[in-house]
């Protein structure tokens, strides 16, 4: 249908606000944070559940929204605030750490092994 006012532009194409919805859950995206995968728009929740890396500590998606910095090591990923020693819970962001099976440890805790 023709677009007379109040539309949304996505990928240089006009959309009615009510037609511009998440590919996953069909929630309206006009005025909301969203991202895309393969040219399809997704709300943050659907994108996180379907495509984002999962944090090895909390298992929640790492989307990069809201200052979502993360740490990667081998095939594991952590939100910055989840990258902590498994024993003493001190932050390991920007510090050395020792992998111990599925855990990551600070140098002090690893010396106790």
Protein backbone atom coordinates (compact mmCIF):
# COMPACT_ATOMS: atom_id res chain seq x y z
CA UNK A 1 0.00 0.00 0.00
CA UNK A 2 1.14 3.55 -0.54
CA UNK A 3 3.01 5.29 2.24
CA UNK A 4 1.68 8.77 2.89
CA UNK A 5 3.21 9.69 6.28
CA UNK A 6 4.98 8.36 9.35
CA UNK A 7 7.04 5.68 7.66
CA UNK A 8 10.33 4.01 8.43
CA UNK A 9 13.27 3.70 6.05
CA UNK A 10 15.18 0.42 6.16
CA UNK A 11 17.80 -0.53 3.57
CA UNK A 12 16.80 2.56 1.57
CA UNK A 13 13.22 1.28 1.28
CA UNK A 14 10.10 2.87 2.84
CA UNK A 15 8.00 0.83 5.28
CA UNK A 16 4.79 1.52 7.18
CA UNK A 17 5.65 1.64 10.90
CA UNK A 18 3.21 -1.18 11.58
CA UNK A 19 4.76 -3.33 8.81
CA UNK A 20 8.35 -2.93 9.99
CA UNK A 21 8.50 -5.83 12.45
CA UNK A 22 10.99 -8.33 13.84
CA UNK A 23 11.48 -11.30 11.52
CA UNK A 24 11.37 -13.61 14.55
CA UNK A 25 8.60 -12.46 16.89
CA UNK A 26 6.82 -9.86 14.71
CA UNK A 27 7.21 -7.12 17.34
CA UNK A 28 7.13 -3.61 15.79
CA UNK A 29 10.68 -2.24 15.47
CA UNK A 30 9.99 1.44 14.74
CA UNK A 31 11.76 3.48 17.42
CA UNK A 32 13.37 0.37 18.98
CA UNK A 33 16.94 -0.94 18.92
CA UNK A 34 17.26 -3.67 16.31
CA UNK A 35 19.85 -5.37 14.17
CA UNK A 36 19.76 -7.48 11.04
CA UNK A 37 20.93 -10.85 9.83
CA UNK A 38 20.91 -11.67 6.12
CA UNK A 39 19.01 -8.39 5.46
CA UNK A 40 16.21 -9.42 7.85
CA UNK A 41 15.53 -7.11 10.82
CA UNK A 42 15.43 -8.64 14.32
CA UNK A 43 14.71 -7.27 17.77
CA UNK A 44 17.61 -7.60 20.20
CA UNK A 45 16.03 -10.53 22.05
CA UNK A 46 15.41 -12.62 18.92
CA UNK A 47 18.83 -11.81 17.48
CA UNK A 48 20.46 -12.80 20.77
CA UNK A 49 18.59 -16.08 20.96
CA UNK A 50 19.15 -17.01 17.31
CA UNK A 51 22.58 -15.67 16.32
CA UNK A 52 24.62 -14.14 19.15
CA UNK A 53 27.50 -15.82 20.96
CA UNK A 54 26.55 -17.07 24.42
CA UNK A 55 28.48 -16.11 27.55
CA UNK A 56 30.36 -19.06 29.06
CA UNK A 57 29.56 -17.84 32.58
CA UNK A 58 25.92 -16.69 32.53
CA UNK A 59 24.86 -18.35 29.21
CA UNK A 60 23.01 -15.18 28.12
CA UNK A 61 23.56 -13.84 24.59
CA UNK A 62 26.39 -11.39 23.93
CA UNK A 63 24.78 -8.83 21.63
CA UNK A 64 27.14 -5.89 21.87
CA UNK A 65 24.27 -3.50 22.65
CA UNK A 66 24.34 -1.25 25.70
CA UNK A 67 28.14 -1.16 25.83
CA UNK A 68 28.26 -4.94 25.60
CA UNK A 69 32.01 -5.50 25.49
CA UNK A 70 33.13 -9.08 25.73
CA UNK A 71 36.21 -11.29 26.06
CA UNK A 72 36.97 -14.28 23.84
CA UNK A 73 39.40 -17.11 24.53
CA UNK A 74 39.63 -20.08 22.19
CA UNK A 75 36.00 -21.02 21.50
CA UNK A 76 34.54 -19.42 24.65
CA UNK A 77 33.16 -15.92 25.21
CA UNK A 78 32.25 -13.86 28.29
CA UNK A 79 30.54 -10.52 28.98
CA UNK A 80 33.13 -8.18 30.54
CA UNK A 81 31.34 -8.31 33.89
CA UNK A 82 31.20 -12.16 33.77
CA UNK A 83 34.91 -12.69 33.04
CA UNK A 84 35.89 -13.50 36.63
CA UNK A 85 38.03 -16.04 38.46
CA UNK A 86 36.00 -19.18 39.15
CA UNK A 87 37.37 -19.38 42.71
CA UNK A 88 37.67 -15.85 44.14
CA UNK A 89 35.39 -14.03 41.64
CA UNK A 90 37.89 -11.23 40.95
CA UNK A 91 37.61 -9.63 37.51
CA UNK A 92 40.09 -10.96 34.97
CA UNK A 93 39.45 -8.28 32.33
CA UNK A 94 42.83 -7.02 31.15
CA UNK A 95 44.70 -9.40 33.48
CA UNK A 96 46.46 -12.68 33.06
CA UNK A 97 44.50 -15.84 33.76
CA UNK A 98 45.00 -19.59 33.75
CA UNK A 99 42.51 -21.95 32.09
CA UNK A 100 41.78 -25.01 34.24
CA UNK A 101 39.49 -27.38 32.35
CA UNK A 102 36.19 -25.45 32.05
CA UNK A 103 37.19 -22.81 34.62
CA UNK A 104 39.32 -19.71 34.35
CA UNK A 105 41.44 -18.75 37.33
CA UNK A 106 43.44 -15.75 38.43
CA UNK A 107 47.17 -16.33 38.96
CA UNK A 108 46.80 -16.41 42.75
CA UNK A 109 44.10 -19.08 42.73
CA UNK A 110 45.91 -21.14 40.07
CA UNK A 111 49.04 -21.25 42.24
CA UNK A 112 47.01 -23.17 44.84
CA UNK A 113 46.50 -26.08 42.43
